[in-house]
């Protein structure tokens, strides 16, 4: 069994079984499946997000593997991603409680609780009006550069997100947002993978997802080049030459994701 309890949960659950206590937390439920539950709860006036994993069974594991998908076995993936991103300097969530018990990966019971990041707005929502209400050019450049930096740092740290969309970059709104003063945090890491070094395949899938999520916000060619320079941290001339295969693949892949969204809605 693995267990991490920080305040307020260390005191709140003193003498109890954390795996029983976490199942009794109440709040706004964001996702309720047979083997996974996500909710927002409040303790002593502060908000927390709770993710509970109850084991997906060998059948579901086999189904995922046969369809070339890597199954999410528990909350440990998110905790490891949070720790690696924090070490690398990518702003993300703060875990205050984590538990894992059971040696059978198909029946493992685990949970993670993170501090709520508030007040915030997703970058997807913040950028949505841009095509008709263009932002201040300096702010747009600054946001593109920071998203590029965060994504590049994440990948160089050996983490691939697997849901790398603008919706999962949160812009903090506790102070005025200006080109020189703003703060972004990366969230929703339950499917993220942590390696010694990221593979090209997973790097490219994250980049395609991010590009797809930005297709409707009015990015110019100059914006895209700025992102590439910030992401790769290399001279643009070298990037265009050395990453020609990626750049040729990226546009049609993002468009394919976009067309799928139009056909099936948000179920990607």
C-alpha atoms as a PDB file:
ATOM      1  CA  UNK A   1       0.000   0.000   0.000  1.00  0.00           C
ATOM      2  CA  UNK A   2       1.120   3.529  -0.787  1.00  0.00           C
ATOM      3  CA  UNK A   3      -0.238   6.541   1.074  1.00  0.00           C
ATOM      4  CA  UNK A   4       0.410  10.285   1.071  1.00  0.00           C
ATOM      5  CA  UNK A   5      -1.725  12.545   3.272  1.00  0.00           C
ATOM      6  CA  UNK A   6      -1.115  16.263   3.680  1.00  0.00           C
ATOM      7  CA  UNK A   7      -3.336  18.782   5.417  1.00  0.00           C
ATOM      8  CA  UNK A   8      -6.274  19.067   5.679  1.00  0.00           C
ATOM      9  CA  UNK A   9      -6.765  15.353   4.959  1.00  0.00           C
ATOM     10  CA  UNK A  10      -4.103  14.166   7.388  1.00  0.00           C
ATOM     11  CA  UNK A  11      -6.146  15.620  10.263  1.00  0.00           C
ATOM     12  CA  UNK A  12      -9.551  15.009   8.699  1.00  0.00           C
ATOM     13  CA  UNK A  13      -8.932  11.283   8.301  1.00  0.00           C
ATOM     14  CA  UNK A  14      -6.833  10.696  11.415  1.00  0.00           C
ATOM     15  CA  UNK A  15      -7.639   7.238  12.793  1.00  0.00           C
ATOM     16  CA  UNK A  16      -9.736   6.280   9.782  1.00  0.00           C
ATOM     17  CA  UNK A  17      -9.218   4.268   6.621  1.00  0.00           C
ATOM     18  CA  UNK A  18      -8.385   6.746   3.835  1.00  0.00           C
ATOM     19  CA  UNK A  19      -9.771   4.369   1.182  1.00  0.00           C
ATOM     20  CA  UNK A  20     -13.121   4.352   2.967  1.00  0.00           C
ATOM     21  CA  UNK A  21     -13.030   8.063   3.777  1.00  0.00           C
ATOM     22  CA  UNK A  22     -12.324   9.156   0.210  1.00  0.00           C
ATOM     23  CA  UNK A  23     -15.370   7.240  -1.063  1.00  0.00           C
ATOM     24  CA  UNK A  24     -17.545   9.197   1.362  1.00  0.00           C
ATOM     25  CA  UNK A  25     -16.524  12.644   0.118  1.00  0.00           C
ATOM     26  CA  UNK A  26     -19.420  14.625  -1.322  1.00  0.00           C
ATOM     27  CA  UNK A  27     -19.532  17.418  -3.872  1.00  0.00           C
ATOM     28  CA  UNK A  28     -20.138  18.217  -7.511  1.00  0.00           C
ATOM     29  CA  UNK A  29     -19.576  15.068  -9.556  1.00  0.00           C
ATOM     30  CA  UNK A  30     -17.854  15.670 -12.905  1.00  0.00           C
ATOM     31  CA  UNK A  31     -17.573  12.039 -14.016  1.00  0.00           C
ATOM     32  CA  UNK A  32     -19.173   8.887 -12.665  1.00  0.00           C
ATOM     33  CA  UNK A  33     -18.224   5.544 -14.196  1.00  0.00           C
ATOM     34  CA  UNK A  34     -18.251   2.049 -12.790  1.00  0.00           C
ATOM     35  CA  UNK A  35     -14.538   2.161 -12.089  1.00  0.00           C
ATOM     36  CA  UNK A  36     -13.764   5.870 -11.878  1.00  0.00           C
ATOM     37  CA  UNK A  37     -15.248   8.887 -10.117  1.00  0.00           C
ATOM     38  CA  UNK A  38     -14.217  12.542 -10.342  1.00  0.00           C
ATOM     39  CA  UNK A  39     -15.697  15.232  -8.123  1.00  0.00           C
ATOM     40  CA  UNK A  40     -15.042  18.620  -6.611  1.00  0.00           C
ATOM     41  CA  UNK A  41     -15.358  18.866  -2.840  1.00  0.00           C
ATOM     42  CA  UNK A  42     -14.766  21.548  -0.224  1.00  0.00           C
ATOM     43  CA  UNK A  43     -12.967  21.186   3.081  1.00  0.00           C
ATOM     44  CA  UNK A  44     -12.723  24.143   5.461  1.00  0.00           C
ATOM     45  CA  UNK A  45     -13.811  26.514   2.703  1.00  0.00           C
ATOM     46  CA  UNK A  46     -11.200  25.392   0.149  1.00  0.00           C
ATOM     47  CA  UNK A  47     -11.873  23.498  -3.059  1.00  0.00           C
ATOM     48  CA  UNK A  48     -10.284  20.171  -4.010  1.00  0.00           C
ATOM     49  CA  UNK A  49     -10.615  17.795  -6.937  1.00  0.00           C
ATOM     50  CA  UNK A  50     -10.899  14.100  -6.138  1.00  0.00           C
ATOM     51  CA  UNK A  51     -10.260  11.255  -8.592  1.00  0.00           C
ATOM     52  CA  UNK A  52     -11.014   7.710  -7.468  1.00  0.00           C
ATOM     53  CA  UNK A  53      -9.972   4.636  -9.471  1.00  0.00           C
ATOM     54  CA  UNK A  54     -11.405   1.229  -8.556  1.00  0.00           C
ATOM     55  CA  UNK A  55      -9.717  -1.111 -11.047  1.00  0.00           C
ATOM     56  CA  UNK A  56     -10.793  -1.703 -14.628  1.00  0.00           C
ATOM     57  CA  UNK A  57     -10.578  -5.504 -14.815  1.00  0.00           C
ATOM     58  CA  UNK A  58      -8.448  -7.708 -17.056  1.00  0.00           C
ATOM     59  CA  UNK A  59     -11.076  -7.631 -19.795  1.00  0.00           C
ATOM     60  CA  UNK A  60     -10.867  -3.865 -20.152  1.00  0.00           C
ATOM     61  CA  UNK A  61      -7.062  -3.975 -19.994  1.00  0.00           C
ATOM     62  CA  UNK A  62      -6.992  -6.528 -22.823  1.00  0.00           C
ATOM     63  CA  UNK A  63      -9.514  -4.498 -24.835  1.00  0.00           C
ATOM     64  CA  UNK A  64      -7.324  -1.390 -24.547  1.00  0.00           C
ATOM     65  CA  UNK A  65      -4.140  -3.229 -25.481  1.00  0.00           C
ATOM     66  CA  UNK A  66      -5.753  -4.950 -28.472  1.00  0.00           C
ATOM     67  CA  UNK A  67      -6.895  -1.562 -29.784  1.00  0.00           C
ATOM     68  CA  UNK A  68      -3.361  -0.131 -29.324  1.00  0.00           C
ATOM     69  CA  UNK A  69      -4.429   2.032 -26.364  1.00  0.00           C
ATOM     70  CA  UNK A  70      -2.568   2.166 -23.077  1.00  0.00           C
ATOM     71  CA  UNK A  71      -4.998   1.617 -20.187  1.00  0.00           C
ATOM     72  CA  UNK A  72      -5.135   3.936 -17.180  1.00  0.00           C
ATOM     73  CA  UNK A  73      -4.688   1.577 -14.236  1.00  0.00           C
ATOM     74  CA  UNK A  74      -4.929   4.047 -11.383  1.00  0.00           C
ATOM     75  CA  UNK A  75      -4.179   7.451  -9.894  1.00  0.00           C
ATOM     76  CA  UNK A  76      -0.444   6.783  -9.839  1.00  0.00           C
ATOM     77  CA  UNK A  77      -0.027   7.988 -13.416  1.00  0.00           C
ATOM     78  CA  UNK A  78      -1.323  11.429 -12.508  1.00  0.00           C
ATOM     79  CA  UNK A  79       0.793  11.682  -9.363  1.00  0.00           C
ATOM     80  CA  UNK A  80       3.959  10.743 -11.249  1.00  0.00           C
ATOM     81  CA  UNK A  81       3.198  13.291 -13.966  1.00  0.00           C
ATOM     82  CA  UNK A  82       2.563  16.030 -11.389  1.00  0.00           C
ATOM     83  CA  UNK A  83       5.856  15.264  -9.649  1.00  0.00           C
ATOM     84  CA  UNK A  84       7.858  15.215 -12.899  1.00  0.00           C
ATOM     85  CA  UNK A  85       6.310  18.451 -14.213  1.00  0.00           C
ATOM     86  CA  UNK A  86       6.889  20.195 -10.895  1.00  0.00           C
ATOM     87  CA  UNK A  87      10.544  19.132 -10.942  1.00  0.00           C
ATOM     88  CA  UNK A  88      10.865  20.411 -14.523  1.00  0.00           C
ATOM     89  CA  UNK A  89       9.318  23.800 -13.737  1.00  0.00           C
ATOM     90  CA  UNK A  90       5.984  23.362 -15.519  1.00  0.00           C
ATOM     91  CA  UNK A  91       3.197  24.891 -13.386  1.00  0.00           C
ATOM     92  CA  UNK A  92       0.576  22.265 -12.628  1.00  0.00           C
ATOM     93  CA  UNK A  93      -1.621  20.923  -9.845  1.00  0.00           C
ATOM     94  CA  UNK A  94      -0.608  20.255  -6.240  1.00  0.00           C
ATOM     95  CA  UNK A  95      -1.421  16.825  -4.824  1.00  0.00           C
ATOM     96  CA  UNK A  96      -2.454  16.815  -1.150  1.00  0.00           C
ATOM     97  CA  UNK A  97      -3.572  13.190  -0.823  1.00  0.00           C
ATOM     98  CA  UNK A  98      -2.831   9.975  -2.649  1.00  0.00           C
ATOM     99  CA  UNK A  99      -3.490   6.339  -1.927  1.00  0.00           C
ATOM    100  CA  UNK A 100      -2.955   3.041  -3.727  1.00  0.00           C
ATOM    101  CA  UNK A 101      -3.582  -0.503  -2.545  1.00  0.00           C
ATOM    102  CA  UNK A 102      -3.713  -3.886  -4.222  1.00  0.00           C
ATOM    103  CA  UNK A 103      -1.045  -5.709  -6.214  1.00  0.00           C
ATOM    104  CA  UNK A 104      -3.407  -6.839  -8.969  1.00  0.00           C
ATOM    105  CA  UNK A 105      -3.358  -3.998 -11.551  1.00  0.00           C
ATOM    106  CA  UNK A 106      -6.845  -4.960 -12.762  1.00  0.00           C
ATOM    107  CA  UNK A 107      -8.376  -4.482  -9.301  1.00  0.00           C
ATOM    108  CA  UNK A 108      -6.214  -1.757  -7.802  1.00  0.00           C
ATOM    109  CA  UNK A 109      -8.007   0.822  -5.631  1.00  0.00           C
ATOM    110  CA  UNK A 110      -6.395   4.263  -5.768  1.00  0.00           C
ATOM    111  CA  UNK A 111      -7.185   7.948  -5.423  1.00  0.00           C
ATOM    112  CA  UNK A 112      -5.606  11.363  -5.799  1.00  0.00           C
ATOM    113  CA  UNK A 113      -6.756  14.704  -4.400  1.00  0.00           C
ATOM    114  CA  UNK A 114      -5.428  17.983  -5.776  1.00  0.00           C
ATOM    115  CA  UNK A 115      -5.937  21.571  -4.758  1.00  0.00           C
ATOM    116  CA  UNK A 116      -8.434  23.436  -6.904  1.00  0.00           C
ATOM    117  CA  UNK A 117      -6.840  26.032  -9.173  1.00  0.00           C
ATOM    118  CA  UNK A 118      -9.158  29.008  -8.832  1.00  0.00           C
ATOM    119  CA  UNK A 119     -10.091  31.496 -10.037  1.00  0.00           C
ATOM    120  CA  UNK A 120      -9.107  30.417 -13.535  1.00  0.00           C
ATOM    121  CA  UNK A 121     -10.397  30.213 -17.091  1.00  0.00           C
ATOM    122  CA  UNK A 122      -9.337  27.609 -19.613  1.00  0.00           C
ATOM    123  CA  UNK A 123      -7.214  28.925 -22.446  1.00  0.00           C
ATOM    124  CA  UNK A 124      -9.773  27.444 -24.839  1.00  0.00           C
ATOM    125  CA  UNK A 125     -12.515  29.664 -23.403  1.00  0.00           C
ATOM    126  CA  UNK A 126     -10.220  32.675 -23.111  1.00  0.00           C
ATOM    127  CA  UNK A 127      -9.176  32.442 -26.777  1.00  0.00           C
ATOM    128  CA  UNK A 128     -12.602  31.595 -28.192  1.00  0.00           C
ATOM    129  CA  UNK A 129     -13.565  35.230 -29.014  1.00  0.00           C
ATOM    130  CA  UNK A 130     -10.244  35.975 -30.751  1.00  0.00           C
ATOM    131  CA  UNK A 131     -11.452  35.564 -34.376  1.00  0.00           C
ATOM    132  CA  UNK A 132     -13.996  38.388 -33.933  1.00  0.00           C
ATOM    133  CA  UNK A 133     -12.404  40.183 -30.977  1.00  0.00           C
ATOM    134  CA  UNK A 134      -8.634  40.049 -31.579  1.00  0.00           C
ATOM    135  CA  UNK A 135      -6.522  40.217 -28.427  1.00  0.00           C
ATOM    136  CA  UNK A 136      -3.779  42.699 -27.749  1.00  0.00           C
ATOM    137  CA  UNK A 137      -0.930  41.527 -30.046  1.00  0.00           C
ATOM    138  CA  UNK A 138       1.645  41.471 -27.239  1.00  0.00           C
ATOM    139  CA  UNK A 139      -0.629  39.334 -25.066  1.00  0.00           C
ATOM    140  CA  UNK A 140      -1.240  36.895 -27.896  1.00  0.00           C
ATOM    141  CA  UNK A 141       2.489  36.578 -28.540  1.00  0.00           C
ATOM    142  CA  UNK A 142       3.192  36.092 -24.848  1.00  0.00           C
ATOM    143  CA  UNK A 143       0.565  33.348 -24.471  1.00  0.00           C
ATOM    144  CA  UNK A 144       1.755  31.495 -27.585  1.00  0.00           C
ATOM    145  CA  UNK A 145       5.330  31.652 -26.306  1.00  0.00           C
ATOM    146  CA  UNK A 146       4.390  30.386 -22.837  1.00  0.00           C
ATOM    147  CA  UNK A 147       2.279  27.485 -24.125  1.00  0.00           C
ATOM    148  CA  UNK A 148       5.204  26.543 -26.370  1.00  0.00           C
ATOM    149  CA  UNK A 149       7.637  26.723 -23.443  1.00  0.00           C
ATOM    150  CA  UNK A 150       5.431  24.644 -21.152  1.00  0.00           C
ATOM    151  CA  UNK A 151       4.744  21.993 -23.790  1.00  0.00           C
ATOM    152  CA  UNK A 152       8.385  21.759 -24.812  1.00  0.00           C
ATOM    153  CA  UNK A 153       9.556  21.550 -21.209  1.00  0.00           C
ATOM    154  CA  UNK A 154       6.953  18.853 -20.491  1.00  0.00           C
ATOM    155  CA  UNK A 155       8.189  16.753 -23.392  1.00  0.00           C
ATOM    156  CA  UNK A 156      11.863  17.261 -22.604  1.00  0.00           C
ATOM    157  CA  UNK A 157      11.073  16.087 -19.058  1.00  0.00           C
ATOM    158  CA  UNK A 158       9.773  12.801 -20.475  1.00  0.00           C
ATOM    159  CA  UNK A 159       6.052  13.457 -20.033  1.00  0.00           C
ATOM    160  CA  UNK A 160       3.442  13.152 -22.766  1.00  0.00           C
ATOM    161  CA  UNK A 161      -0.026  14.381 -21.884  1.00  0.00           C
ATOM    162  CA  UNK A 162      -2.340  12.355 -24.184  1.00  0.00           C
ATOM    163  CA  UNK A 163      -5.015  15.065 -23.810  1.00  0.00           C
ATOM    164  CA  UNK A 164      -2.903  18.058 -24.756  1.00  0.00           C
ATOM    165  CA  UNK A 165      -5.596  20.616 -25.586  1.00  0.00           C
ATOM    166  CA  UNK A 166      -5.944  24.341 -24.876  1.00  0.00           C
ATOM    167  CA  UNK A 167      -8.785  23.403 -22.528  1.00  0.00           C
ATOM    168  CA  UNK A 168      -6.218  21.893 -20.162  1.00  0.00           C
ATOM    169  CA  UNK A 169      -4.124  25.036 -19.855  1.00  0.00           C
ATOM    170  CA  UNK A 170      -5.712  27.165 -17.122  1.00  0.00           C
ATOM    171  CA  UNK A 171      -5.179  30.920 -17.094  1.00  0.00           C
ATOM    172  CA  UNK A 172      -5.255  32.346 -13.578  1.00  0.00           C
ATOM    173  CA  UNK A 173      -7.598  35.315 -13.190  1.00  0.00           C
ATOM    174  CA  UNK A 174      -6.825  36.404  -9.638  1.00  0.00           C
ATOM    175  CA  UNK A 175      -5.027  39.433 -11.074  1.00  0.00           C
ATOM    176  CA  UNK A 176      -5.170  41.497 -14.240  1.00  0.00           C
ATOM    177  CA  UNK A 177      -3.946  39.536 -17.270  1.00  0.00           C
ATOM    178  CA  UNK A 178      -1.297  41.495 -19.160  1.00  0.00           C
ATOM    179  CA  UNK A 179       1.496  40.519 -21.576  1.00  0.00           C
ATOM    180  CA  UNK A 180       4.012  40.868 -18.745  1.00  0.00           C
ATOM    181  CA  UNK A 181       1.954  39.367 -15.913  1.00  0.00           C
ATOM    182  CA  UNK A 182      -0.082  36.201 -16.341  1.00  0.00           C
ATOM    183  CA  UNK A 183       0.089  32.646 -15.092  1.00  0.00           C
ATOM    184  CA  UNK A 184      -0.806  29.343 -16.769  1.00  0.00           C
ATOM    185  CA  UNK A 185      -1.141  25.887 -15.191  1.00  0.00           C
ATOM    186  CA  UNK A 186      -1.412  22.514 -16.927  1.00  0.00           C
ATOM    187  CA  UNK A 187      -4.096  20.129 -15.666  1.00  0.00           C
ATOM    188  CA  UNK A 188      -5.915  16.838 -16.369  1.00  0.00           C
ATOM    189  CA  UNK A 189      -2.941  14.495 -16.260  1.00  0.00           C
ATOM    190  CA  UNK A 190      -4.733  11.232 -15.479  1.00  0.00           C
ATOM    191  CA  UNK A 191      -3.708   9.710 -18.848  1.00  0.00           C
ATOM    192  CA  UNK A 192      -0.225  11.238 -18.937  1.00  0.00           C
ATOM    193  CA  UNK A 193       2.796   8.974 -19.316  1.00  0.00           C
ATOM    194  CA  UNK A 194       6.201   9.486 -17.704  1.00  0.00           C
ATOM    195  CA  UNK A 195       9.356   8.130 -19.304  1.00  0.00           C
ATOM    196  CA  UNK A 196      13.071   8.748 -19.239  1.00  0.00           C
ATOM    197  CA  UNK A 197      12.694  10.232 -22.704  1.00  0.00           C
ATOM    198  CA  UNK A 198       9.569  10.863 -24.721  1.00  0.00           C
ATOM    199  CA  UNK A 199       9.201   9.054 -28.038  1.00  0.00           C
ATOM    200  CA  UNK A 200       8.613  10.894 -31.299  1.00  0.00           C
ATOM    201  CA  UNK A 201       5.231   9.175 -31.698  1.00  0.00           C
ATOM    202  CA  UNK A 202       3.838  10.483 -28.433  1.00  0.00           C
ATOM    203  CA  UNK A 203       5.431  13.888 -28.882  1.00  0.00           C
ATOM    204  CA  UNK A 204       3.791  14.278 -32.258  1.00  0.00           C
ATOM    205  CA  UNK A 205       0.379  13.109 -30.999  1.00  0.00           C
ATOM    206  CA  UNK A 206       0.452  15.777 -28.275  1.00  0.00           C
ATOM    207  CA  UNK A 207       1.447  18.472 -30.776  1.00  0.00           C
ATOM    208  CA  UNK A 208      -1.316  17.442 -33.182  1.00  0.00           C
ATOM    209  CA  UNK A 209      -3.908  17.557 -30.394  1.00  0.00           C
ATOM    210  CA  UNK A 210      -2.737  20.996 -29.297  1.00  0.00           C
ATOM    211  CA  UNK A 211      -2.763  22.327 -32.852  1.00  0.00           C
ATOM    212  CA  UNK A 212      -6.230  20.865 -33.451  1.00  0.00           C
ATOM    213  CA  UNK A 213      -7.561  22.619 -30.350  1.00  0.00           C
ATOM    214  CA  UNK A 214      -6.219  25.953 -31.645  1.00  0.00           C
ATOM    215  CA  UNK A 215      -7.604  25.759 -35.193  1.00  0.00           C
ATOM    216  CA  UNK A 216     -10.536  28.065 -34.450  1.00  0.00           C
ATOM    217  CA  UNK A 217      -8.771  30.881 -32.594  1.00  0.00           C
ATOM    218  CA  UNK A 218      -7.284  32.678 -35.586  1.00  0.00           C
ATOM    219  CA  UNK A 219      -3.589  31.862 -35.344  1.00  0.00           C
ATOM    220  CA  UNK A 220      -1.455  33.365 -38.113  1.00  0.00           C
ATOM    221  CA  UNK A 221       1.554  31.778 -39.791  1.00  0.00           C
ATOM    222  CA  UNK A 222       3.740  34.023 -37.664  1.00  0.00           C
ATOM    223  CA  UNK A 223       2.020  32.742 -34.511  1.00  0.00           C
ATOM    224  CA  UNK A 224       2.711  29.146 -35.566  1.00  0.00           C
ATOM    225  CA  UNK A 225       6.362  29.885 -36.271  1.00  0.00           C
ATOM    226  CA  UNK A 226       6.644  31.597 -32.887  1.00  0.00           C
ATOM    227  CA  UNK A 227       5.265  28.459 -31.232  1.00  0.00           C
ATOM    228  CA  UNK A 228       7.748  26.228 -33.055  1.00  0.00           C
ATOM    229  CA  UNK A 229      10.680  28.400 -32.028  1.00  0.00           C
ATOM    230  CA  UNK A 230       9.513  28.424 -28.400  1.00  0.00           C
ATOM    231  CA  UNK A 231       8.793  24.707 -28.333  1.00  0.00           C
ATOM    232  CA  UNK A 232      12.000  23.432 -29.922  1.00  0.00           C
ATOM    233  CA  UNK A 233      14.274  26.144 -28.505  1.00  0.00           C
ATOM    234  CA  UNK A 234      16.295  26.126 -31.714  1.00  0.00           C
ATOM    235  CA  UNK A 235      16.782  28.522 -34.641  1.00  0.00           C
ATOM    236  CA  UNK A 236      13.725  28.543 -36.879  1.00  0.00           C
ATOM    237  CA  UNK A 237      15.780  27.690 -39.965  1.00  0.00           C
ATOM    238  CA  UNK A 238      16.986  24.485 -38.306  1.00  0.00           C
ATOM    239  CA  UNK A 239      13.484  23.564 -37.144  1.00  0.00           C
ATOM    240  CA  UNK A 240      11.960  23.922 -40.607  1.00  0.00           C
ATOM    241  CA  UNK A 241      14.679  21.711 -42.060  1.00  0.00           C
ATOM    242  CA  UNK A 242      15.020  19.084 -39.334  1.00  0.00           C
ATOM    243  CA  UNK A 243      11.325  18.756 -38.486  1.00  0.00           C
ATOM    244  CA  UNK A 244      10.005  18.829 -42.058  1.00  0.00           C
ATOM    245  CA  UNK A 245       8.367  15.407 -41.652  1.00  0.00           C
ATOM    246  CA  UNK A 246       6.514  16.495 -38.505  1.00  0.00           C
ATOM    247  CA  UNK A 247       5.351  19.763 -40.055  1.00  0.00           C
ATOM    248  CA  UNK A 248       4.070  18.017 -43.181  1.00  0.00           C
ATOM    249  CA  UNK A 249       2.120  15.541 -41.014  1.00  0.00           C
ATOM    250  CA  UNK A 250       0.803  18.006 -38.454  1.00  0.00           C
ATOM    251  CA  UNK A 251      -1.651  19.988 -40.589  1.00  0.00           C
ATOM    252  CA  UNK A 252      -3.617  17.046 -42.049  1.00  0.00           C
ATOM    253  CA  UNK A 253      -3.601  15.222 -38.697  1.00  0.00           C
ATOM    254  CA  UNK A 254      -5.038  18.228 -36.866  1.00  0.00           C
ATOM    255  CA  UNK A 255      -7.622  18.663 -39.626  1.00  0.00           C
ATOM    256  CA  UNK A 256      -8.588  14.994 -39.297  1.00  0.00           C
ATOM    257  CA  UNK A 257      -9.193  15.482 -35.573  1.00  0.00           C
ATOM    258  CA  UNK A 258     -11.196  18.621 -36.328  1.00  0.00           C
ATOM    259  CA  UNK A 259     -13.375  16.837 -38.899  1.00  0.00           C
ATOM    260  CA  UNK A 260     -13.981  14.056 -36.392  1.00  0.00           C
ATOM    261  CA  UNK A 261     -15.070  16.622 -33.816  1.00  0.00           C
ATOM    262  CA  UNK A 262     -17.573  18.071 -36.302  1.00  0.00           C
ATOM    263  CA  UNK A 263     -19.003  14.586 -36.936  1.00  0.00           C
ATOM    264  CA  UNK A 264     -19.083  13.257 -33.385  1.00  0.00           C
ATOM    265  CA  UNK A 265     -18.990  16.316 -31.160  1.00  0.00           C
ATOM    266  CA  UNK A 266     -16.466  16.446 -28.321  1.00  0.00           C
ATOM    267  CA  UNK A 267     -15.995  12.680 -28.055  1.00  0.00           C
ATOM    268  CA  UNK A 268     -12.366  12.351 -29.208  1.00  0.00           C
END
